[in-house]
Amino acid sequence: MAIPTTTNTYGSIIPPKALRDVTLKDNKLIGFKYPPVANPANGYFSKSSGLDIVRSSIRSLLRTERGERFMLPDYGCNLRKFLMEPMDETTFRLIKDEIQTSFRKYLRQVSVSKIQVFETRQNNIEVKLFCSLRDAKGSNFRVKVVI
């Protein structure tokens, strides 16, 4: 399979200044750090706050298939079904719809301004999201997930 030499970018261009990472001043978002790792000081279930917990929630949502999570059968995105599909505008639109539907239901506090989808050399799908929190100004951040 030949690797395409051109890249199509869908969505709006985000200026580099707007992409800097910020920390929330009040750190009102608190939850479990994902993925759980063994840490002698904090145990397996470490706490996370601010944008770390939001990034963790986004990664968890994108990597989870619907029906995989106990007690939440609609949680997740069905992105694995696109692994063997050709990466064209139709596939991109379906992936974008899948992500936006899941965000509307489970991550309402996050606004996605740009979605980039790439096919990697290992035939995986790489999704890059450019996001911000709806209630916090200057809270722009990026998340990259490989499916």
C-alpha atoms as a PDB file:
ATOM      1  CA  MET A   1       0.000   0.000   0.000  1.00  0.00           C
ATOM      2  CA  ALA A   2       1.457   3.321  -1.064  1.00  0.00           C
ATOM      3  CA  ILE A   3       1.631   6.142   1.441  1.00  0.00           C
ATOM      4  CA  PRO A   4       0.002   9.317   0.031  1.00  0.00           C
ATOM      5  CA  THR A   5       2.371  12.234  -0.430  1.00  0.00           C
ATOM      6  CA  THR A   6      -0.259  14.915   0.093  1.00  0.00           C
ATOM      7  CA  THR A   7      -2.176  15.790   3.229  1.00  0.00           C
ATOM      8  CA  ASN A   8      -5.727  17.125   3.300  1.00  0.00           C
ATOM      9  CA  THR A   9      -6.547  19.252   6.306  1.00  0.00           C
ATOM     10  CA  TYR A  10     -10.188  19.745   7.206  1.00  0.00           C
ATOM     11  CA  GLY A  11     -11.385  22.436   9.564  1.00  0.00           C
ATOM     12  CA  SER A  12     -10.122  25.904  10.342  1.00  0.00           C
ATOM     13  CA  ILE A  13      -6.494  26.898  10.882  1.00  0.00           C
ATOM     14  CA  ILE A  14      -5.662  27.682  14.511  1.00  0.00           C
ATOM     15  CA  PRO A  15      -3.008  30.357  15.126  1.00  0.00           C
ATOM     16  CA  PRO A  16       0.048  29.028  17.043  1.00  0.00           C
ATOM     17  CA  LYS A  17      -0.427  31.539  19.891  1.00  0.00           C
ATOM     18  CA  ALA A  18      -3.843  30.089  20.645  1.00  0.00           C
ATOM     19  CA  LEU A  19      -2.477  26.557  20.989  1.00  0.00           C
ATOM     20  CA  ARG A  20      -0.331  27.134  24.052  1.00  0.00           C
ATOM     21  CA  ASP A  21      -1.165  24.993  27.030  1.00  0.00           C
ATOM     22  CA  VAL A  22      -2.733  26.732  29.990  1.00  0.00           C
ATOM     23  CA  THR A  23      -3.642  25.673  33.460  1.00  0.00           C
ATOM     24  CA  LEU A  24      -6.967  26.443  35.018  1.00  0.00           C
ATOM     25  CA  LYS A  25      -6.606  28.879  37.892  1.00  0.00           C
ATOM     26  CA  ASP A  26      -9.297  27.348  40.061  1.00  0.00           C
ATOM     27  CA  ASN A  27      -8.570  23.674  39.166  1.00  0.00           C
ATOM     28  CA  LYS A  28     -12.222  22.859  39.712  1.00  0.00           C
ATOM     29  CA  LEU A  29     -12.014  19.784  37.466  1.00  0.00           C
ATOM     30  CA  ILE A  30     -10.762  16.821  39.509  1.00  0.00           C
ATOM     31  CA  GLY A  31     -10.851  13.102  38.778  1.00  0.00           C
ATOM     32  CA  PHE A  32      -8.858   9.899  38.336  1.00  0.00           C
ATOM     33  CA  LYS A  33      -5.731   9.972  36.232  1.00  0.00           C
ATOM     34  CA  TYR A  34      -5.929   7.770  33.135  1.00  0.00           C
ATOM     35  CA  PRO A  35      -4.402   5.291  32.483  1.00  0.00           C
ATOM     36  CA  PRO A  36      -3.917   3.948  35.999  1.00  0.00           C
ATOM     37  CA  VAL A  37      -0.247   3.353  36.731  1.00  0.00           C
ATOM     38  CA  ALA A  38       1.566   1.937  39.740  1.00  0.00           C
ATOM     39  CA  ASN A  39       2.924   4.836  41.762  1.00  0.00           C
ATOM     40  CA  PRO A  40       4.233   4.008  45.269  1.00  0.00           C
ATOM     41  CA  ALA A  41       3.481   7.500  46.575  1.00  0.00           C
ATOM     42  CA  ASN A  42      -0.068   7.840  45.217  1.00  0.00           C
ATOM     43  CA  GLY A  43      -1.192   4.258  44.555  1.00  0.00           C
ATOM     44  CA  TYR A  44      -2.890   3.021  41.402  1.00  0.00           C
ATOM     45  CA  PHE A  45      -5.652   5.605  41.323  1.00  0.00           C
ATOM     46  CA  SER A  46      -3.813   8.912  41.260  1.00  0.00           C
ATOM     47  CA  LYS A  47      -5.722  12.184  41.238  1.00  0.00           C
ATOM     48  CA  SER A  48      -5.579  14.547  38.302  1.00  0.00           C
ATOM     49  CA  SER A  49      -6.977  18.034  37.861  1.00  0.00           C
ATOM     50  CA  GLY A  50      -7.385  20.833  35.342  1.00  0.00           C
ATOM     51  CA  LEU A  51      -6.634  20.146  31.701  1.00  0.00           C
ATOM     52  CA  ASP A  52      -4.970  16.810  32.546  1.00  0.00           C
ATOM     53  CA  ILE A  53      -8.313  15.308  33.521  1.00  0.00           C
ATOM     54  CA  VAL A  54      -9.977  16.724  30.395  1.00  0.00           C
ATOM     55  CA  ARG A  55      -7.266  15.255  28.128  1.00  0.00           C
ATOM     56  CA  SER A  56      -7.577  11.949  29.939  1.00  0.00           C
ATOM     57  CA  SER A  57     -11.354  11.942  29.452  1.00  0.00           C
ATOM     58  CA  ILE A  58     -10.984  12.696  25.741  1.00  0.00           C
ATOM     59  CA  ARG A  59      -8.462   9.881  25.233  1.00  0.00           C
ATOM     60  CA  SER A  60     -10.697   7.478  27.116  1.00  0.00           C
ATOM     61  CA  LEU A  61     -13.753   8.471  25.062  1.00  0.00           C
ATOM     62  CA  LEU A  62     -11.955   8.114  21.724  1.00  0.00           C
ATOM     63  CA  ARG A  63     -10.327   4.757  22.534  1.00  0.00           C
ATOM     64  CA  THR A  64     -13.491   3.141  23.878  1.00  0.00           C
ATOM     65  CA  GLU A  65     -15.866   1.330  21.541  1.00  0.00           C
ATOM     66  CA  ARG A  66     -19.593   1.651  22.155  1.00  0.00           C
ATOM     67  CA  GLY A  67     -20.873  -1.257  24.208  1.00  0.00           C
ATOM     68  CA  GLU A  68     -17.456  -1.833  25.782  1.00  0.00           C
ATOM     69  CA  ARG A  69     -18.100   0.120  28.984  1.00  0.00           C
ATOM     70  CA  PHE A  70     -20.182  -1.465  31.727  1.00  0.00           C
ATOM     71  CA  MET A  71     -23.369   0.447  32.644  1.00  0.00           C
ATOM     72  CA  LEU A  72     -22.757   3.005  29.853  1.00  0.00           C
ATOM     73  CA  PRO A  73     -23.423   1.139  26.591  1.00  0.00           C
ATOM     74  CA  ASP A  74     -23.447   4.343  24.476  1.00  0.00           C
ATOM     75  CA  TYR A  75     -20.122   5.638  25.855  1.00  0.00           C
ATOM     76  CA  GLY A  76     -17.283   5.824  23.334  1.00  0.00           C
ATOM     77  CA  CYS A  77     -16.622   6.277  19.634  1.00  0.00           C
ATOM     78  CA  ASN A  78     -16.686   3.460  17.117  1.00  0.00           C
ATOM     79  CA  LEU A  79     -13.394   4.474  15.506  1.00  0.00           C
ATOM     80  CA  ARG A  80     -11.931   0.986  15.095  1.00  0.00           C
ATOM     81  CA  LYS A  81     -14.433   0.240  12.338  1.00  0.00           C
ATOM     82  CA  PHE A  82     -12.615   2.803  10.150  1.00  0.00           C
ATOM     83  CA  LEU A  83      -9.208   1.083  10.367  1.00  0.00           C
ATOM     84  CA  MET A  84      -9.470  -0.683   7.006  1.00  0.00           C
ATOM     85  CA  GLU A  85     -11.431   2.033   5.212  1.00  0.00           C
ATOM     86  CA  PRO A  86      -9.816   4.310   2.610  1.00  0.00           C
ATOM     87  CA  MET A  87      -8.958   7.689   4.123  1.00  0.00           C
ATOM     88  CA  ASP A  88     -11.078   9.971   1.945  1.00  0.00           C
ATOM     89  CA  GLU A  89     -13.555  12.788   2.561  1.00  0.00           C
ATOM     90  CA  THR A  90     -16.450  10.413   3.212  1.00  0.00           C
ATOM     91  CA  THR A  91     -14.512   8.461   5.841  1.00  0.00           C
ATOM     92  CA  PHE A  92     -13.294  11.689   7.426  1.00  0.00           C
ATOM     93  CA  ARG A  93     -16.874  13.016   7.623  1.00  0.00           C
ATOM     94  CA  LEU A  94     -18.038   9.780   9.280  1.00  0.00           C
ATOM     95  CA  ILE A  95     -15.174   9.920  11.809  1.00  0.00           C
ATOM     96  CA  LYS A  96     -15.922  13.579  12.517  1.00  0.00           C
ATOM     97  CA  ASP A  97     -19.632  12.835  13.048  1.00  0.00           C
ATOM     98  CA  GLU A  98     -18.756   9.936  15.367  1.00  0.00           C
ATOM     99  CA  ILE A  99     -16.500  12.174  17.485  1.00  0.00           C
ATOM    100  CA  GLN A 100     -18.919  15.113  17.593  1.00  0.00           C
ATOM    101  CA  THR A 101     -21.839  12.875  18.590  1.00  0.00           C
ATOM    102  CA  SER A 102     -19.858  11.419  21.493  1.00  0.00           C
ATOM    103  CA  PHE A 103     -18.615  14.839  22.623  1.00  0.00           C
ATOM    104  CA  ARG A 104     -22.156  16.273  22.612  1.00  0.00           C
ATOM    105  CA  LYS A 105     -23.295  13.484  24.896  1.00  0.00           C
ATOM    106  CA  TYR A 106     -20.344  12.926  27.267  1.00  0.00           C
ATOM    107  CA  LEU A 107     -17.991  15.939  27.076  1.00  0.00           C
ATOM    108  CA  ARG A 108     -20.281  18.947  26.767  1.00  0.00           C
ATOM    109  CA  GLN A 109     -17.778  21.233  28.500  1.00  0.00           C
ATOM    110  CA  VAL A 110     -15.236  20.732  25.667  1.00  0.00           C
ATOM    111  CA  SER A 111     -15.473  22.571  22.347  1.00  0.00           C
ATOM    112  CA  VAL A 112     -13.620  21.009  19.396  1.00  0.00           C
ATOM    113  CA  SER A 113     -12.371  23.618  16.928  1.00  0.00           C
ATOM    114  CA  LYS A 114     -10.410  21.344  14.590  1.00  0.00           C
ATOM    115  CA  ILE A 115     -10.168  17.621  13.877  1.00  0.00           C
ATOM    116  CA  GLN A 116      -7.298  16.097  11.908  1.00  0.00           C
ATOM    117  CA  VAL A 117      -7.299  12.433  10.906  1.00  0.00           C
ATOM    118  CA  PHE A 118      -4.253  10.647   9.498  1.00  0.00           C
ATOM    119  CA  GLU A 119      -3.436   7.118   8.462  1.00  0.00           C
ATOM    120  CA  THR A 120      -0.127   5.971   9.957  1.00  0.00           C
ATOM    121  CA  ARG A 121       2.428   3.674   8.347  1.00  0.00           C
ATOM    122  CA  GLN A 122       1.233   0.840  10.620  1.00  0.00           C
ATOM    123  CA  ASN A 123      -2.325   1.245   9.191  1.00  0.00           C
ATOM    124  CA  ASN A 124      -3.580   2.863  12.389  1.00  0.00           C
ATOM    125  CA  ILE A 125      -5.693   5.995  12.595  1.00  0.00           C
ATOM    126  CA  GLU A 126      -4.171   9.047  14.274  1.00  0.00           C
ATOM    127  CA  VAL A 127      -6.685  11.630  15.478  1.00  0.00           C
ATOM    128  CA  LYS A 128      -5.574  15.115  16.526  1.00  0.00           C
ATOM    129  CA  LEU A 129      -8.101  17.346  18.229  1.00  0.00           C
ATOM    130  CA  PHE A 130      -7.699  21.057  18.874  1.00  0.00           C
ATOM    131  CA  CYS A 131     -10.013  21.874  21.766  1.00  0.00           C
ATOM    132  CA  SER A 132     -10.928  24.431  24.375  1.00  0.00           C
ATOM    133  CA  LEU A 133     -13.106  24.485  27.463  1.00  0.00           C
ATOM    134  CA  ARG A 134     -16.406  26.268  26.937  1.00  0.00           C
ATOM    135  CA  ASP A 135     -16.396  28.156  30.259  1.00  0.00           C
ATOM    136  CA  ALA A 136     -12.689  29.096  30.458  1.00  0.00           C
ATOM    137  CA  LYS A 137     -11.066  31.698  28.225  1.00  0.00           C
ATOM    138  CA  GLY A 138      -7.584  30.876  26.972  1.00  0.00           C
ATOM    139  CA  SER A 139      -7.953  27.171  27.696  1.00  0.00           C
ATOM    140  CA  ASN A 140      -6.865  25.908  24.274  1.00  0.00           C
ATOM    141  CA  PHE A 141      -5.174  22.524  24.177  1.00  0.00           C
ATOM    142  CA  ARG A 142      -4.405  19.625  21.854  1.00  0.00           C
ATOM    143  CA  VAL A 143      -5.027  15.918  22.181  1.00  0.00           C
ATOM    144  CA  LYS A 144      -3.541  13.194  19.990  1.00  0.00           C
ATOM    145  CA  VAL A 145      -4.850   9.622  20.000  1.00  0.00           C
ATOM    146  CA  VAL A 146      -3.755   6.642  17.912  1.00  0.00           C
ATOM    147  CA  ILE A 147      -6.399   3.981  17.304  1.00  0.00           C
END
